[in-house]
C-alpha atoms as a PDB file:
ATOM      1  CA  MET A   1     136.021  62.674  14.579  1.00  0.00           C
ATOM      2  CA  SER A   2     133.900  65.919  14.934  1.00  0.00           C
ATOM      3  CA  LEU A   3     132.993  67.703  11.758  1.00  0.00           C
ATOM      4  CA  LEU A   4     135.320  70.707  12.600  1.00  0.00           C
ATOM      5  CA  SER A   5     138.379  68.209  13.147  1.00  0.00           C
ATOM      6  CA  SER A   6     137.550  66.445   9.713  1.00  0.00           C
ATOM      7  CA  ILE A   7     137.660  69.662   7.768  1.00  0.00           C
ATOM      8  CA  ALA A   8     140.873  70.802   9.111  1.00  0.00           C
ATOM      9  CA  ALA A   9     142.422  67.465   8.572  1.00  0.00           C
ATOM     10  CA  LEU A  10     141.126  67.939   5.056  1.00  0.00           C
ATOM     11  CA  LEU A  11     142.767  71.547   4.874  1.00  0.00           C
ATOM     12  CA  LEU A  12     146.233  70.157   5.864  1.00  0.00           C
ATOM     13  CA  ALA A  13     145.650  67.415   3.058  1.00  0.00           C
ATOM     14  CA  VAL A  14     145.548  70.038   0.544  1.00  0.00           C
ATOM     15  CA  GLN A  15     148.316  72.132   1.912  1.00  0.00           C
ATOM     16  CA  ALA A  16     150.816  69.359   1.861  1.00  0.00           C
ATOM     17  CA  ALA A  17     151.650  66.274   0.036  1.00  0.00           C
ATOM     18  CA  PRO A  18     150.449  63.326   1.600  1.00  0.00           C
ATOM     19  CA  ALA A  19     153.336  61.386   3.363  1.00  0.00           C
ATOM     20  CA  PRO A  20     153.490  57.614   2.793  1.00  0.00           C
ATOM     21  CA  PRO A  21     152.215  55.505   5.037  1.00  0.00           C
ATOM     22  CA  VAL A  22     154.508  53.987   7.589  1.00  0.00           C
ATOM     23  CA  ALA A  23     154.460  50.447   8.022  1.00  0.00           C
ATOM     24  CA  LYS A  24     154.035  49.256  11.220  1.00  0.00           C
ATOM     25  CA  PRO A  25     156.827  46.606  12.515  1.00  0.00           C
ATOM     26  CA  PRO A  26     155.575  43.196  13.139  1.00  0.00           C
ATOM     27  CA  SER A  27     154.747  42.141  16.902  1.00  0.00           C
ATOM     28  CA  LEU A  28     156.939  39.680  18.610  1.00  0.00           C
ATOM     29  CA  ASP A  29     154.142  36.999  18.496  1.00  0.00           C
ATOM     30  CA  GLU A  30     153.855  37.709  14.700  1.00  0.00           C
ATOM     31  CA  ARG A  31     157.376  37.110  14.419  1.00  0.00           C
ATOM     32  CA  MET A  32     157.356  33.886  16.176  1.00  0.00           C
ATOM     33  CA  THR A  33     154.465  32.384  14.685  1.00  0.00           C
ATOM     34  CA  PRO A  34     155.977  30.650  11.875  1.00  0.00           C
ATOM     35  CA  GLN A  35     158.166  28.753  14.890  1.00  0.00           C
ATOM     36  CA  LEU A  36     155.612  28.131  16.442  1.00  0.00           C
ATOM     37  CA  GLN A  37     153.906  26.253  13.882  1.00  0.00           C
ATOM     38  CA  ALA A  38     156.572  24.579  12.977  1.00  0.00           C
ATOM     39  CA  ALA A  39     157.054  23.315  16.687  1.00  0.00           C
ATOM     40  CA  ALA A  40     153.350  22.318  17.078  1.00  0.00           C
ATOM     41  CA  ARG A  41     153.833  20.179  13.569  1.00  0.00           C
ATOM     42  CA  SER A  42     156.536  18.438  15.459  1.00  0.00           C
ATOM     43  CA  VAL A  43     154.668  17.410  18.253  1.00  0.00           C
ATOM     44  CA  ARG A  44     151.948  16.038  16.288  1.00  0.00           C
ATOM     45  CA  VAL A  45     154.332  13.911  14.040  1.00  0.00           C
ATOM     46  CA  HIS A  46     155.960  12.694  17.566  1.00  0.00           C
ATOM     47  CA  GLN A  47     159.089  14.355  16.936  1.00  0.00           C
ATOM     48  CA  PRO A  48     159.439  16.053  20.392  1.00  0.00           C
ATOM     49  CA  GLN A  49     163.154  16.942  20.506  1.00  0.00           C
ATOM     50  CA  ALA A  50     162.494  18.680  17.061  1.00  0.00           C
ATOM     51  CA  ALA A  51     160.124  20.518  18.669  1.00  0.00           C
ATOM     52  CA  ILE A  52     162.199  21.621  21.611  1.00  0.00           C
ATOM     53  CA  ASP A  53     165.039  22.923  19.436  1.00  0.00           C
ATOM     54  CA  ILE A  54     162.727  24.623  17.592  1.00  0.00           C
ATOM     55  CA  LEU A  55     161.033  26.379  20.807  1.00  0.00           C
ATOM     56  CA  THR A  56     164.558  27.314  22.814  1.00  0.00           C
ATOM     57  CA  PRO A  57     165.476  30.410  20.940  1.00  0.00           C
ATOM     58  CA  VAL A  58     161.565  31.497  20.761  1.00  0.00           C
ATOM     59  CA  LEU A  59     161.263  30.992  24.358  1.00  0.00           C
ATOM     60  CA  ALA A  60     164.654  32.860  24.749  1.00  0.00           C
ATOM     61  CA  THR A  61     163.360  35.610  22.520  1.00  0.00           C
ATOM     62  CA  TYR A  62     160.210  35.834  24.600  1.00  0.00           C
ATOM     63  CA  ASP A  63     162.283  36.001  28.206  1.00  0.00           C
ATOM     64  CA  ALA A  64     164.338  38.588  26.662  1.00  0.00           C
ATOM     65  CA  ASP A  65     161.604  40.575  25.874  1.00  0.00           C
ATOM     66  CA  HIS A  66     160.143  40.224  29.343  1.00  0.00           C
ATOM     67  CA  ALA A  67     163.310  40.746  31.045  1.00  0.00           C
ATOM     68  CA  ASN A  68     162.639  44.315  32.292  1.00  0.00           C
ATOM     69  CA  GLU A  69     158.914  43.722  33.225  1.00  0.00           C
ATOM     70  CA  THR A  70     157.832  44.583  36.709  1.00  0.00           C
ATOM     71  CA  ARG A  71     154.436  44.430  36.352  1.00  0.00           C
ATOM     72  CA  ARG A  72     152.846  40.850  36.996  1.00  0.00           C
ATOM     73  CA  ILE A  73     152.544  38.874  33.598  1.00  0.00           C
ATOM     74  CA  TYR A  74     149.438  37.099  32.514  1.00  0.00           C
ATOM     75  CA  CYS A  75     149.034  35.625  28.836  1.00  0.00           C
ATOM     76  CA  GLY A  76     145.975  36.997  27.201  1.00  0.00           C
ATOM     77  CA  MET A  77     144.435  34.091  25.790  1.00  0.00           C
ATOM     78  CA  SER A  78     141.324  36.064  24.978  1.00  0.00           C
ATOM     79  CA  VAL A  79     139.752  39.051  25.815  1.00  0.00           C
ATOM     80  CA  GLN A  80     137.730  37.821  28.567  1.00  0.00           C
ATOM     81  CA  GLU A  81     140.316  36.003  30.086  1.00  0.00           C
ATOM     82  CA  THR A  82     142.596  39.161  29.751  1.00  0.00           C
ATOM     83  CA  LEU A  83     139.965  41.502  31.563  1.00  0.00           C
ATOM     84  CA  LEU A  84     139.264  38.815  34.628  1.00  0.00           C
ATOM     85  CA  TYR A  85     143.193  38.588  34.852  1.00  0.00           C
ATOM     86  CA  LEU A  86     143.532  42.509  35.172  1.00  0.00           C
ATOM     87  CA  THR A  87     140.621  42.550  37.505  1.00  0.00           C
ATOM     88  CA  MET A  88     142.236  40.223  39.359  1.00  0.00           C
ATOM     89  CA  ALA A  89     145.637  41.948  39.592  1.00  0.00           C
ATOM     90  CA  ALA A  90     143.910  45.144  40.620  1.00  0.00           C
ATOM     91  CA  ARG A  91     141.916  43.113  43.328  1.00  0.00           C
ATOM     92  CA  ASP A  92     145.342  41.964  44.671  1.00  0.00           C
ATOM     93  CA  LYS A  93     146.592  45.880  44.149  1.00  0.00           C
ATOM     94  CA  VAL A  94     149.241  44.784  41.865  1.00  0.00           C
ATOM     95  CA  ALA A  95     150.169  46.265  38.369  1.00  0.00           C
ATOM     96  CA  ALA A  96     149.776  43.802  35.609  1.00  0.00           C
ATOM     97  CA  VAL A  97     150.155  43.187  31.943  1.00  0.00           C
ATOM     98  CA  ALA A  98     148.505  40.919  29.359  1.00  0.00           C
ATOM     99  CA  VAL A  99     150.917  39.708  26.912  1.00  0.00           C
ATOM    100  CA  PRO A 100     149.870  38.052  23.722  1.00  0.00           C
ATOM    101  CA  PRO A 101     149.109  34.098  23.682  1.00  0.00           C
ATOM    102  CA  GLY A 102     152.347  33.244  21.729  1.00  0.00           C
ATOM    103  CA  TYR A 103     154.523  33.141  24.965  1.00  0.00           C
ATOM    104  CA  CYS A 104     152.451  30.584  26.778  1.00  0.00           C
ATOM    105  CA  THR A 105     151.550  28.757  23.462  1.00  0.00           C
ATOM    106  CA  ALA A 106     155.565  28.239  23.158  1.00  0.00           C
ATOM    107  CA  LEU A 107     155.665  26.863  26.885  1.00  0.00           C
ATOM    108  CA  TYR A 108     152.642  24.524  26.499  1.00  0.00           C
ATOM    109  CA  LEU A 109     154.202  22.976  23.472  1.00  0.00           C
ATOM    110  CA  LYS A 110     157.536  22.732  25.039  1.00  0.00           C
ATOM    111  CA  GLY A 111     155.929  21.155  28.003  1.00  0.00           C
ATOM    112  CA  TYR A 112     153.878  18.428  25.777  1.00  0.00           C
ATOM    113  CA  ALA A 113     156.937  17.578  23.966  1.00  0.00           C
ATOM    114  CA  LEU A 114     158.784  17.152  27.339  1.00  0.00           C
ATOM    115  CA  VAL A 115     155.885  14.300  28.433  1.00  0.00           C
ATOM    116  CA  ASP A 116     156.627  12.915  25.501  1.00  0.00           C
ATOM    117  CA  LEU A 117     160.298  12.614  25.850  1.00  0.00           C
ATOM    118  CA  GLY A 118     159.479  11.267  29.387  1.00  0.00           C
ATOM    119  CA  ARG A 119     161.077  14.262  31.164  1.00  0.00           C
ATOM    120  CA  VAL A 120     157.927  14.691  33.385  1.00  0.00           C
ATOM    121  CA  VAL A 121     159.436  16.508  36.271  1.00  0.00           C
ATOM    122  CA  GLU A 122     160.525  19.438  33.511  1.00  0.00           C
ATOM    123  CA  ALA A 123     157.033  19.574  32.306  1.00  0.00           C
ATOM    124  CA  LYS A 124     155.702  19.773  35.167  1.00  0.00           C
ATOM    125  CA  ALA A 125     157.502  22.947  36.345  1.00  0.00           C
ATOM    126  CA  ILE A 126     156.430  24.347  32.852  1.00  0.00           C
ATOM    127  CA  TYR A 127     152.595  23.506  33.523  1.00  0.00           C
ATOM    128  CA  GLU A 128     152.796  24.998  37.046  1.00  0.00           C
ATOM    129  CA  ARG A 129     154.212  28.193  35.266  1.00  0.00           C
ATOM    130  CA  LEU A 130     151.565  28.105  32.770  1.00  0.00           C
ATOM    131  CA  LEU A 131     148.850  27.913  35.769  1.00  0.00           C
ATOM    132  CA  VAL A 132     150.494  31.309  37.161  1.00  0.00           C
ATOM    133  CA  LEU A 133     150.514  32.908  33.544  1.00  0.00           C
ATOM    134  CA  ALA A 134     147.112  31.727  32.437  1.00  0.00           C
ATOM    135  CA  PRO A 135     145.207  30.630  35.764  1.00  0.00           C
ATOM    136  CA  MET A 136     141.716  30.592  33.668  1.00  0.00           C
ATOM    137  CA  TYR A 137     142.771  29.007  30.650  1.00  0.00           C
ATOM    138  CA  ALA A 138     141.144  25.454  30.744  1.00  0.00           C
ATOM    139  CA  GLN A 139     143.399  23.530  28.788  1.00  0.00           C
ATOM    140  CA  TYR A 140     146.733  24.305  31.078  1.00  0.00           C
ATOM    141  CA  GLN A 141     144.619  23.063  34.031  1.00  0.00           C
ATOM    142  CA  THR A 142     143.659  19.692  32.177  1.00  0.00           C
ATOM    143  CA  GLU A 143     146.884  18.800  31.012  1.00  0.00           C
ATOM    144  CA  TYR A 144     148.122  19.593  34.528  1.00  0.00           C
ATOM    145  CA  GLY A 145     145.414  17.185  35.909  1.00  0.00           C
ATOM    146  CA  GLN A 146     146.661  14.545  33.320  1.00  0.00           C
ATOM    147  CA  LEU A 147     150.312  14.819  34.694  1.00  0.00           C
ATOM    148  CA  ILE A 148     149.126  14.548  38.223  1.00  0.00           C
ATOM    149  CA  ARG A 149     147.728  11.301  37.048  1.00  0.00           C
ATOM    150  CA  LEU A 150     151.141   9.592  36.573  1.00  0.00           C
ATOM    151  CA  GLU A 151     151.384  10.409  40.336  1.00  0.00           C
ATOM    152  CA  LYS A 152     148.095   8.297  40.786  1.00  0.00           C
ATOM    153  CA  ASP A 153     146.875  11.310  43.218  1.00  0.00           C
ATOM    154  CA  TRP A 154     143.386  10.875  42.101  1.00  0.00           C
ATOM    155  CA  PRO A 155     141.783  13.167  44.450  1.00  0.00           C
ATOM    156  CA  ARG A 156     144.140  16.143  43.391  1.00  0.00           C
ATOM    157  CA  MET A 157     143.614  15.089  39.736  1.00  0.00           C
ATOM    158  CA  LEU A 158     139.890  15.545  40.310  1.00  0.00           C
ATOM    159  CA  ALA A 159     139.934  18.622  41.991  1.00  0.00           C
ATOM    160  CA  ILE A 160     142.574  19.963  39.432  1.00  0.00           C
ATOM    161  CA  CYS A 161     140.165  18.945  36.198  1.00  0.00           C
ATOM    162  CA  THR A 162     137.120  19.881  38.142  1.00  0.00           C
ATOM    163  CA  LYS A 163     138.474  23.779  38.053  1.00  0.00           C
ATOM    164  CA  ALA A 164     139.379  22.995  34.119  1.00  0.00           C
ATOM    165  CA  GLY A 165     135.716  22.497  33.576  1.00  0.00           C
ATOM    166  CA  GLU A 166     134.953  25.577  35.438  1.00  0.00           C
ATOM    167  CA  ALA A 167     137.395  27.630  33.764  1.00  0.00           C
ATOM    168  CA  ALA A 168     136.251  26.289  30.429  1.00  0.00           C
ATOM    169  CA  GLY A 169     133.015  28.191  30.858  1.00  0.00           C
ATOM    170  CA  ILE A 170     134.497  31.236  29.913  1.00  0.00           C
ATOM    171  CA  ALA A 171     136.592  30.010  26.812  1.00  0.00           C
ATOM    172  CA  ASP A 172     136.291  31.431  23.630  1.00  0.00           C
ATOM    173  CA  PRO A 173     133.125  29.790  21.964  1.00  0.00           C
ATOM    174  CA  ALA A 174     135.211  28.479  19.210  1.00  0.00           C
ATOM    175  CA  ILE A 175     137.365  26.348  21.714  1.00  0.00           C
ATOM    176  CA  ARG A 176     134.868  26.049  24.618  1.00  0.00           C
ATOM    177  CA  PRO A 177     133.382  22.488  23.640  1.00  0.00           C
ATOM    178  CA  ILE A 178     136.925  21.118  22.980  1.00  0.00           C
ATOM    179  CA  GLN A 179     138.178  22.353  26.522  1.00  0.00           C
ATOM    180  CA  GLN A 180     134.896  21.200  28.182  1.00  0.00           C
ATOM    181  CA  GLY A 181     135.230  17.715  26.932  1.00  0.00           C
ATOM    182  CA  ALA A 182     138.777  17.403  27.762  1.00  0.00           C
ATOM    183  CA  ALA A 183     138.150  18.427  31.249  1.00  0.00           C
ATOM    184  CA  LEU A 184     135.153  16.069  31.749  1.00  0.00           C
ATOM    185  CA  ARG A 185     137.287  13.158  30.643  1.00  0.00           C
ATOM    186  CA  CYS A 186     140.079  14.299  33.003  1.00  0.00           C
ATOM    187  CA  GLN A 187     137.345  14.057  35.623  1.00  0.00           C
ATOM    188  CA  GLY A 188     135.951  11.091  34.561  1.00  0.00           C
ATOM    189  CA  TYR A 189     139.413   9.358  34.859  1.00  0.00           C
ATOM    190  CA  ALA A 190     140.009  10.281  38.154  1.00  0.00           C
ATOM    191  CA  LEU A 191     136.338   9.063  39.379  1.00  0.00           C
ATOM    192  CA  VAL A 192     136.980   5.635  37.707  1.00  0.00           C
ATOM    193  CA  GLU A 193     140.104   5.453  40.066  1.00  0.00           C
ATOM    194  CA  LEU A 194     138.406   6.315  42.908  1.00  0.00           C
ATOM    195  CA  HIS A 195     136.020   3.552  42.026  1.00  0.00           C
ATOM    196  CA  ARG A 196     132.669   6.471  41.588  1.00  0.00           C
ATOM    197  CA  TYR A 197     131.644   4.956  38.702  1.00  0.00           C
ATOM    198  CA  ASP A 198     128.073   6.894  38.657  1.00  0.00           C
ATOM    199  CA  GLU A 199     129.631   9.851  38.840  1.00  0.00           C
ATOM    200  CA  ALA A 200     132.353   8.926  35.956  1.00  0.00           C
ATOM    201  CA  GLU A 201     129.660   7.640  33.762  1.00  0.00           C
ATOM    202  CA  LYS A 202     127.767  11.030  34.071  1.00  0.00           C
ATOM    203  CA  ARG A 203     131.112  13.167  32.842  1.00  0.00           C
ATOM    204  CA  TYR A 204     131.853  11.001  29.813  1.00  0.00           C
ATOM    205  CA  ARG A 205     128.074  10.966  28.996  1.00  0.00           C
ATOM    206  CA  ASP A 206     128.492  14.890  29.033  1.00  0.00           C
ATOM    207  CA  ALA A 207     131.459  14.667  26.934  1.00  0.00           C
ATOM    208  CA  LEU A 208     129.405  12.707  24.341  1.00  0.00           C
ATOM    209  CA  ALA A 209     126.615  15.318  24.848  1.00  0.00           C
ATOM    210  CA  LEU A 210     129.390  17.968  23.531  1.00  0.00           C
ATOM    211  CA  ASN A 211     131.057  15.562  20.719  1.00  0.00           C
ATOM    212  CA  ALA A 212     128.930  12.158  19.748  1.00  0.00           C
ATOM    213  CA  ASN A 213     132.186  11.000  18.151  1.00  0.00           C
ATOM    214  CA  ASP A 214     134.255  11.178  21.171  1.00  0.00           C
ATOM    215  CA  ALA A 215     136.082   7.981  20.810  1.00  0.00           C
ATOM    216  CA  VAL A 216     137.545   8.410  24.336  1.00  0.00           C
ATOM    217  CA  ALA A 217     134.622   8.956  26.257  1.00  0.00           C
ATOM    218  CA  GLN A 218     132.816   5.809  24.344  1.00  0.00           C
ATOM    219  CA  HIS A 219     135.841   3.571  25.166  1.00  0.00           C
ATOM    220  CA  GLU A 220     135.542   4.546  28.720  1.00  0.00           C
ATOM    221  CA  LEU A 221     131.947   4.096  29.197  1.00  0.00           C
ATOM    222  CA  GLY A 222     132.617   0.504  28.044  1.00  0.00           C
ATOM    223  CA  TYR A 223     135.422   0.389  30.315  1.00  0.00           C
ATOM    224  CA  ILE A 224     132.922   1.195  33.462  1.00  0.00           C
ATOM    225  CA  THR A 225     130.455  -1.369  31.935  1.00  0.00           C
ATOM    226  CA  GLN A 226     133.033  -4.070  32.263  1.00  0.00           C
ATOM    227  CA  GLN A 227     134.169  -3.115  35.873  1.00  0.00           C
ATOM    228  CA  ARG A 228     130.500  -2.901  37.000  1.00  0.00           C
ATOM    229  CA  ALA A 229     129.891  -6.655  35.643  1.00  0.00           C
ATOM    230  CA  GLU A 230     133.220  -8.114  37.267  1.00  0.00           C
ATOM    231  CA  ALA A 231     132.223  -6.369  40.636  1.00  0.00           C
ATOM    232  CA  LYS A 232     128.636  -7.869  40.627  1.00  0.00           C
ATOM    233  CA  PRO A 233     128.654 -10.787  42.780  1.00  0.00           C
ATOM    234  CA  VAL A 234     128.038 -14.353  41.265  1.00  0.00           C
ATOM    235  CA  THR A 235     124.733 -15.943  42.073  1.00  0.00           C
ATOM    236  CA  ASP A 236     123.815 -19.628  41.802  1.00  0.00           C
END
């Protein structure tokens, strides 16, 4: 604000009593936060149906809010990702909007709960939707790769989780090591199934470099050692 503008504002304040501050109404994400937290708790304690029951009206509210949106919708999971998505839309010459992350969080929790219930086809459709809404959010890519694991399509799983590892490079620094570790473990699993043990071992060791207490990576390295020993020819 310029000096002249500041003086004008002070004069107006003297001439009139100050108006009471206008309370800003809570955003949709703020209103949905308690329900999202409750759903996350249900998922953590393996109560998937309870999570879905919580999330059904939440997702209905989000869908109603987006019903008249004609622009391409992205979930703004971070500032950097939001800028990237809007750049992608500009490149495609389409109008786009980045909504706060609550919508994608609700979808992710529902997908996770559906997997827990064995409803994999429904979960897969949700994760595919997430890959459209947040195409550079590594966690969603890794979860999708883990679903492909159930189909035993190892090359596709490896390709998806490799992309997840690349996407993790632009994640928020606070969660980047977690997302990188998950992507590396996902790649390692596919590589083991492809019997590419040297490459798998490197992925798991890279995961341990991020988190020395990564129990899954430690276990899988032991499994690789066992597989190599079993494959070694017996000599007299």
